[in-house]
Amino acid sequence: MRRLIAAAFVSLDGVMQAPGGPDEDRTGDFRYGGWITPFSDPELGRGTAENGGRPFDLVLGRRTYDIFAGYWPQFDRGPDAVRDIAQEFNHATKYVASRTQTTFAWRNSQWLGEDPVSALRAIRQGEGPDLLTQGSSDLLRTLLASDVVDELRLLVYPVLLGRGKRLFGDTVLPSAFTLTRSLTTASGVVLVRYERAGEVQSGSFGFEE
């Protein structure tokens, strides 16, 4: 069985919209595109693709797919660090959720069909590498509400954005997670990994009578 890992850049107040640049996603008149760039830090390393050296396939919403397809193919022979990410992304199978497009030019890209959640459930049952989301906020909220996410891999940035597309919505499935890794960079970014750990447990700090 394959694992589905949800990876995201996120602000302290849970916003994940347009982290990489001003024109990445202006939906809702979002004014802070590119909010992760002031926190660039060598410790972040290959944060957008880091998977412990293991192969992975990508799960992408249409908007993120279009951004990646217009960027990564041209860096197959760029600087070492960028080239490594580009080669991983270009080699990976890209599973794309889209309501309007069914064929895609970037090599190794596949449409998830009219019911992407059901398609991903079937893909997870097969053999292959981990499935890794990148960005894709709308799709990611759907996956978090559908009990298909096995791990959260978050880069939390020390900034409040106030508005924008958020990682977690009211439809998120209540779930418990276990922290398996954390790292704080000199610029204040916290990298965390949480693995799914069953149902939410509750209790009380009240005294027994």
C-alpha atoms as a PDB file:
ATOM      1  CA  MET A   1       0.000   0.000   0.000  1.00  0.00           C
ATOM      2  CA  ARG A   2       1.268   3.452  -0.921  1.00  0.00           C
ATOM      3  CA  ARG A   3       1.227   6.404   1.498  1.00  0.00           C
ATOM      4  CA  LEU A   4      -0.237   9.796   0.668  1.00  0.00           C
ATOM      5  CA  ILE A   5       1.889  12.613   2.109  1.00  0.00           C
ATOM      6  CA  ALA A   6       0.496  16.143   2.228  1.00  0.00           C
ATOM      7  CA  ALA A   7       3.301  18.700   1.946  1.00  0.00           C
ATOM      8  CA  ALA A   8       2.729  22.437   2.265  1.00  0.00           C
ATOM      9  CA  PHE A   9       4.219  25.815   3.063  1.00  0.00           C
ATOM     10  CA  VAL A  10       1.957  27.373   5.684  1.00  0.00           C
ATOM     11  CA  SER A  11       1.804  30.604   7.691  1.00  0.00           C
ATOM     12  CA  LEU A  12       1.221  30.704  11.443  1.00  0.00           C
ATOM     13  CA  ASP A  13      -2.477  31.344  10.808  1.00  0.00           C
ATOM     14  CA  GLY A  14      -2.769  28.437   8.396  1.00  0.00           C
ATOM     15  CA  VAL A  15      -2.639  30.232   5.025  1.00  0.00           C
ATOM     16  CA  MET A  16      -0.918  28.385   2.176  1.00  0.00           C
ATOM     17  CA  GLN A  17      -1.896  30.572  -0.785  1.00  0.00           C
ATOM     18  CA  ALA A  18       0.751  31.800  -3.245  1.00  0.00           C
ATOM     19  CA  PRO A  19       3.909  31.194  -1.190  1.00  0.00           C
ATOM     20  CA  GLY A  20       6.295  31.424  -4.133  1.00  0.00           C
ATOM     21  CA  GLY A  21       5.546  34.655  -5.979  1.00  0.00           C
ATOM     22  CA  PRO A  22       3.270  37.692  -6.399  1.00  0.00           C
ATOM     23  CA  ASP A  23       1.375  36.304  -9.406  1.00  0.00           C
ATOM     24  CA  GLU A  24       1.158  32.690  -8.288  1.00  0.00           C
ATOM     25  CA  ASP A  25      -2.462  32.950  -7.111  1.00  0.00           C
ATOM     26  CA  ARG A  26      -4.243  36.297  -6.711  1.00  0.00           C
ATOM     27  CA  THR A  27      -7.642  34.724  -5.985  1.00  0.00           C
ATOM     28  CA  GLY A  28      -9.632  36.852  -3.550  1.00  0.00           C
ATOM     29  CA  ASP A  29      -7.326  39.831  -4.182  1.00  0.00           C
ATOM     30  CA  PHE A  30      -4.580  38.104  -2.198  1.00  0.00           C
ATOM     31  CA  ARG A  31      -1.782  40.675  -1.812  1.00  0.00           C
ATOM     32  CA  TYR A  32       1.048  38.743  -0.189  1.00  0.00           C
ATOM     33  CA  GLY A  33       2.191  36.344  -2.905  1.00  0.00           C
ATOM     34  CA  GLY A  34       5.804  35.302  -2.362  1.00  0.00           C
ATOM     35  CA  TRP A  35       5.584  35.458   1.428  1.00  0.00           C
ATOM     36  CA  ILE A  36       8.116  32.649   1.989  1.00  0.00           C
ATOM     37  CA  THR A  37      10.986  34.334   0.105  1.00  0.00           C
ATOM     38  CA  PRO A  38      12.248  36.578   2.972  1.00  0.00           C
ATOM     39  CA  PHE A  39      12.851  33.437   5.038  1.00  0.00           C
ATOM     40  CA  SER A  40      15.195  31.700   2.611  1.00  0.00           C
ATOM     41  CA  ASP A  41      17.678  29.627   4.576  1.00  0.00           C
ATOM     42  CA  PRO A  42      20.253  26.971   3.548  1.00  0.00           C
ATOM     43  CA  GLU A  43      18.831  24.658   6.227  1.00  0.00           C
ATOM     44  CA  LEU A  44      15.608  24.403   4.265  1.00  0.00           C
ATOM     45  CA  GLY A  45      17.629  22.578   1.632  1.00  0.00           C
ATOM     46  CA  ARG A  46      15.404  20.733  -0.760  1.00  0.00           C
ATOM     47  CA  GLY A  47      12.235  21.427   1.185  1.00  0.00           C
ATOM     48  CA  THR A  48       9.867  21.369  -1.768  1.00  0.00           C
ATOM     49  CA  ALA A  49      10.785  17.809  -2.755  1.00  0.00           C
ATOM     50  CA  GLU A  50      12.543  16.291   0.259  1.00  0.00           C
ATOM     51  CA  ASN A  51      11.395  12.715   0.778  1.00  0.00           C
ATOM     52  CA  GLY A  52      14.216  11.072   2.682  1.00  0.00           C
ATOM     53  CA  GLY A  53      15.966  10.065  -0.532  1.00  0.00           C
ATOM     54  CA  ARG A  54      13.061   7.842  -1.547  1.00  0.00           C
ATOM     55  CA  PRO A  55      11.279   8.058  -4.909  1.00  0.00           C
ATOM     56  CA  PHE A  56       7.824   9.621  -5.010  1.00  0.00           C
ATOM     57  CA  ASP A  57       4.982  10.471  -7.361  1.00  0.00           C
ATOM     58  CA  LEU A  58       3.179  13.811  -7.269  1.00  0.00           C
ATOM     59  CA  VAL A  59      -0.494  14.575  -6.629  1.00  0.00           C
ATOM     60  CA  LEU A  60      -1.382  18.052  -7.891  1.00  0.00           C
ATOM     61  CA  GLY A  61      -4.361  20.315  -8.362  1.00  0.00           C
ATOM     62  CA  ARG A  62      -4.698  21.957 -11.751  1.00  0.00           C
ATOM     63  CA  ARG A  63      -3.381  25.413 -10.740  1.00  0.00           C
ATOM     64  CA  THR A  64      -0.267  24.005  -9.058  1.00  0.00           C
ATOM     65  CA  TYR A  65       0.261  21.620 -11.970  1.00  0.00           C
ATOM     66  CA  ASP A  66       0.248  24.507 -14.454  1.00  0.00           C
ATOM     67  CA  ILE A  67       2.774  26.450 -12.341  1.00  0.00           C
ATOM     68  CA  PHE A  68       5.088  23.454 -11.997  1.00  0.00           C
ATOM     69  CA  ALA A  69       4.761  22.423 -15.665  1.00  0.00           C
ATOM     70  CA  GLY A  70       5.792  25.924 -16.727  1.00  0.00           C
ATOM     71  CA  TYR A  71       8.811  25.952 -14.416  1.00  0.00           C
ATOM     72  CA  TRP A  72      10.497  22.635 -13.626  1.00  0.00           C
ATOM     73  CA  PRO A  73      11.038  21.130 -17.115  1.00  0.00           C
ATOM     74  CA  GLN A  74      13.463  23.923 -18.012  1.00  0.00           C
ATOM     75  CA  PHE A  75      15.768  23.213 -15.048  1.00  0.00           C
ATOM     76  CA  ASP A  76      16.835  19.653 -15.855  1.00  0.00           C
ATOM     77  CA  ARG A  77      20.350  21.022 -16.398  1.00  0.00           C
ATOM     78  CA  GLY A  78      20.364  23.995 -14.011  1.00  0.00           C
ATOM     79  CA  PRO A  79      22.358  24.551 -10.775  1.00  0.00           C
ATOM     80  CA  ASP A  80      22.892  21.363  -8.773  1.00  0.00           C
ATOM     81  CA  ALA A  81      20.260  21.844  -6.044  1.00  0.00           C
ATOM     82  CA  VAL A  82      17.600  23.102  -8.458  1.00  0.00           C
ATOM     83  CA  ARG A  83      18.505  20.442 -11.020  1.00  0.00           C
ATOM     84  CA  ASP A  84      18.066  17.658  -8.458  1.00  0.00           C
ATOM     85  CA  ILE A  85      14.535  18.813  -7.621  1.00  0.00           C
ATOM     86  CA  ALA A  86      13.710  19.328 -11.291  1.00  0.00           C
ATOM     87  CA  GLN A  87      14.856  15.835 -12.217  1.00  0.00           C
ATOM     88  CA  GLU A  88      12.812  14.297  -9.401  1.00  0.00           C
ATOM     89  CA  PHE A  89       9.705  16.230 -10.405  1.00  0.00           C
ATOM     90  CA  ASN A  90      10.177  15.593 -14.116  1.00  0.00           C
ATOM     91  CA  HIS A  91      10.729  11.867 -13.575  1.00  0.00           C
ATOM     92  CA  ALA A  92       7.816  11.401 -11.161  1.00  0.00           C
ATOM     93  CA  THR A  93       4.348  10.441 -12.302  1.00  0.00           C
ATOM     94  CA  LYS A  94       2.087  13.477 -11.903  1.00  0.00           C
ATOM     95  CA  TYR A  95      -1.501  12.628 -10.908  1.00  0.00           C
ATOM     96  CA  VAL A  96      -3.583  15.700 -11.713  1.00  0.00           C
ATOM     97  CA  ALA A  97      -7.011  16.685 -10.384  1.00  0.00           C
ATOM     98  CA  SER A  98      -8.844  18.867 -12.897  1.00  0.00           C
ATOM     99  CA  ARG A  99     -12.495  19.546 -13.709  1.00  0.00           C
ATOM    100  CA  THR A 100     -11.810  20.911 -17.187  1.00  0.00           C
ATOM    101  CA  GLN A 101      -8.679  19.275 -18.630  1.00  0.00           C
ATOM    102  CA  THR A 102      -8.007  15.596 -19.202  1.00  0.00           C
ATOM    103  CA  THR A 103      -4.687  15.551 -21.084  1.00  0.00           C
ATOM    104  CA  PHE A 104      -1.418  17.190 -20.059  1.00  0.00           C
ATOM    105  CA  ALA A 105       1.833  17.964 -21.877  1.00  0.00           C
ATOM    106  CA  TRP A 106       4.360  17.539 -19.037  1.00  0.00           C
ATOM    107  CA  ARG A 107       5.735  14.036 -19.344  1.00  0.00           C
ATOM    108  CA  ASN A 108       4.418  11.305 -17.028  1.00  0.00           C
ATOM    109  CA  SER A 109       1.212  13.235 -16.254  1.00  0.00           C
ATOM    110  CA  GLN A 110      -2.127  11.478 -15.717  1.00  0.00           C
ATOM    111  CA  TRP A 111      -5.634  12.787 -15.132  1.00  0.00           C
ATOM    112  CA  LEU A 112      -7.276  11.533 -11.920  1.00  0.00           C
ATOM    113  CA  GLY A 113     -10.670  11.403 -13.562  1.00  0.00           C
ATOM    114  CA  GLU A 114     -14.009  12.808 -12.501  1.00  0.00           C
ATOM    115  CA  ASP A 115     -13.667  11.475  -8.945  1.00  0.00           C
ATOM    116  CA  PRO A 116     -10.067  12.156  -7.875  1.00  0.00           C
ATOM    117  CA  VAL A 117     -10.567  10.903  -4.302  1.00  0.00           C
ATOM    118  CA  SER A 118     -11.794   7.500  -5.490  1.00  0.00           C
ATOM    119  CA  ALA A 119      -8.962   7.361  -8.003  1.00  0.00           C
ATOM    120  CA  LEU A 120      -6.397   8.071  -5.291  1.00  0.00           C
ATOM    121  CA  ARG A 121      -7.916   5.435  -2.997  1.00  0.00           C
ATOM    122  CA  ALA A 122      -7.362   2.885  -5.770  1.00  0.00           C
ATOM    123  CA  ILE A 123      -3.831   4.128  -6.515  1.00  0.00           C
ATOM    124  CA  ARG A 124      -2.903   3.916  -2.813  1.00  0.00           C
ATOM    125  CA  GLN A 125      -3.883   0.248  -2.788  1.00  0.00           C
ATOM    126  CA  GLY A 126      -1.387  -0.561  -5.528  1.00  0.00           C
ATOM    127  CA  GLU A 127       2.379  -0.843  -5.621  1.00  0.00           C
ATOM    128  CA  GLY A 128       4.679   2.107  -6.065  1.00  0.00           C
ATOM    129  CA  PRO A 129       6.402   5.008  -4.318  1.00  0.00           C
ATOM    130  CA  ASP A 130       4.854   7.452  -1.870  1.00  0.00           C
ATOM    131  CA  LEU A 131       2.330   9.942  -3.231  1.00  0.00           C
ATOM    132  CA  LEU A 132       3.338  13.520  -2.416  1.00  0.00           C
ATOM    133  CA  THR A 133       1.125  16.584  -2.714  1.00  0.00           C
ATOM    134  CA  GLN A 134       2.613  20.023  -3.303  1.00  0.00           C
ATOM    135  CA  GLY A 135       0.531  23.185  -2.832  1.00  0.00           C
ATOM    136  CA  SER A 136      -2.893  22.436  -4.364  1.00  0.00           C
ATOM    137  CA  SER A 137      -4.870  23.925  -1.477  1.00  0.00           C
ATOM    138  CA  ASP A 138      -8.370  23.140  -2.803  1.00  0.00           C
ATOM    139  CA  LEU A 139      -7.485  19.517  -3.572  1.00  0.00           C
ATOM    140  CA  LEU A 140      -5.635  19.135  -0.283  1.00  0.00           C
ATOM    141  CA  ARG A 141      -8.637  20.244   1.776  1.00  0.00           C
ATOM    142  CA  THR A 142     -10.732  17.662  -0.082  1.00  0.00           C
ATOM    143  CA  LEU A 143      -8.185  14.942   0.684  1.00  0.00           C
ATOM    144  CA  LEU A 144      -8.045  15.931   4.370  1.00  0.00           C
ATOM    145  CA  ALA A 145     -11.823  15.611   4.540  1.00  0.00           C
ATOM    146  CA  SER A 146     -11.790  12.199   2.859  1.00  0.00           C
ATOM    147  CA  ASP A 147      -9.513  10.134   5.129  1.00  0.00           C
ATOM    148  CA  VAL A 148      -6.774   9.493   2.555  1.00  0.00           C
ATOM    149  CA  VAL A 149      -3.863  11.502   4.042  1.00  0.00           C
ATOM    150  CA  ASP A 150      -1.266   9.422   5.909  1.00  0.00           C
ATOM    151  CA  GLU A 151       1.282  12.102   6.775  1.00  0.00           C
ATOM    152  CA  LEU A 152       1.526  15.889   7.047  1.00  0.00           C
ATOM    153  CA  ARG A 153       4.840  17.431   6.033  1.00  0.00           C
ATOM    154  CA  LEU A 154       4.688  21.141   6.815  1.00  0.00           C
ATOM    155  CA  LEU A 155       7.039  24.106   6.630  1.00  0.00           C
ATOM    156  CA  VAL A 156       5.564  26.628   9.074  1.00  0.00           C
ATOM    157  CA  TYR A 157       6.688  30.237   8.520  1.00  0.00           C
ATOM    158  CA  PRO A 158       6.744  32.943  11.214  1.00  0.00           C
ATOM    159  CA  VAL A 159       4.257  35.260   9.542  1.00  0.00           C
ATOM    160  CA  LEU A 160       0.540  36.052   9.932  1.00  0.00           C
ATOM    161  CA  LEU A 161      -1.284  36.698   6.647  1.00  0.00           C
ATOM    162  CA  GLY A 162      -4.793  37.280   7.924  1.00  0.00           C
ATOM    163  CA  ARG A 163      -6.594  36.039   4.824  1.00  0.00           C
ATOM    164  CA  GLY A 164      -6.125  33.620   1.965  1.00  0.00           C
ATOM    165  CA  LYS A 165      -6.606  29.947   1.164  1.00  0.00           C
ATOM    166  CA  ARG A 166      -6.011  27.892   4.282  1.00  0.00           C
ATOM    167  CA  LEU A 167      -4.666  24.413   4.817  1.00  0.00           C
ATOM    168  CA  PHE A 168      -7.424  23.313   7.191  1.00  0.00           C
ATOM    169  CA  GLY A 169     -11.119  24.051   6.785  1.00  0.00           C
ATOM    170  CA  ASP A 170     -14.257  23.167   8.701  1.00  0.00           C
ATOM    171  CA  THR A 171     -14.629  19.924   6.726  1.00  0.00           C
ATOM    172  CA  VAL A 172     -11.308  18.422   7.869  1.00  0.00           C
ATOM    173  CA  LEU A 173     -11.622  14.868   9.204  1.00  0.00           C
ATOM    174  CA  PRO A 174     -10.870  14.749  12.953  1.00  0.00           C
ATOM    175  CA  SER A 175      -7.640  12.754  13.241  1.00  0.00           C
ATOM    176  CA  ALA A 176      -4.746  12.249  15.643  1.00  0.00           C
ATOM    177  CA  PHE A 177      -1.137  12.563  14.478  1.00  0.00           C
ATOM    178  CA  THR A 178       2.274  11.705  15.929  1.00  0.00           C
ATOM    179  CA  LEU A 179       5.247  14.036  15.511  1.00  0.00           C
ATOM    180  CA  THR A 180       8.063  12.104  13.812  1.00  0.00           C
ATOM    181  CA  ARG A 181      10.453  14.927  12.932  1.00  0.00           C
ATOM    182  CA  SER A 182      10.984  18.617  13.654  1.00  0.00           C
ATOM    183  CA  LEU A 183      13.631  21.164  12.748  1.00  0.00           C
ATOM    184  CA  THR A 184      13.809  24.904  13.338  1.00  0.00           C
ATOM    185  CA  THR A 185      15.929  26.979  10.960  1.00  0.00           C
ATOM    186  CA  ALA A 186      17.862  30.141  11.782  1.00  0.00           C
ATOM    187  CA  SER A 187      15.204  32.195   9.967  1.00  0.00           C
ATOM    188  CA  GLY A 188      12.488  30.814  12.232  1.00  0.00           C
ATOM    189  CA  VAL A 189      10.881  28.326   9.859  1.00  0.00           C
ATOM    190  CA  VAL A 190       9.742  25.121  11.560  1.00  0.00           C
ATOM    191  CA  LEU A 191       9.783  21.902   9.533  1.00  0.00           C
ATOM    192  CA  VAL A 192       7.517  19.227  10.976  1.00  0.00           C
ATOM    193  CA  ARG A 193       6.325  15.780  10.026  1.00  0.00           C
ATOM    194  CA  TYR A 194       3.205  14.267  11.534  1.00  0.00           C
ATOM    195  CA  GLU A 195       2.105  10.699  10.813  1.00  0.00           C
ATOM    196  CA  ARG A 196      -1.508   9.627  11.127  1.00  0.00           C
ATOM    197  CA  ALA A 197      -2.153   8.004  14.519  1.00  0.00           C
ATOM    198  CA  GLY A 198      -5.786   6.948  14.542  1.00  0.00           C
ATOM    199  CA  GLU A 199      -8.778   8.652  16.083  1.00  0.00           C
ATOM    200  CA  VAL A 200      -8.867  11.743  18.279  1.00  0.00           C
ATOM    201  CA  GLN A 201      -8.624  10.835  21.966  1.00  0.00           C
ATOM    202  CA  SER A 202     -10.121  12.990  24.702  1.00  0.00           C
ATOM    203  CA  GLY A 203     -10.097  13.152  28.494  1.00  0.00           C
ATOM    204  CA  SER A 204     -10.471  15.492  31.423  1.00  0.00           C
ATOM    205  CA  PHE A 205      -8.198  17.277  33.886  1.00  0.00           C
ATOM    206  CA  GLY A 206     -11.046  17.507  36.362  1.00  0.00           C
ATOM    207  CA  PHE A 207     -10.839  15.795  39.747  1.00  0.00           C
ATOM    208  CA  GLU A 208     -12.867  12.676  40.307  1.00  0.00           C
ATOM    209  CA  GLU A 209     -15.519  13.054  42.978  1.00  0.00           C
END
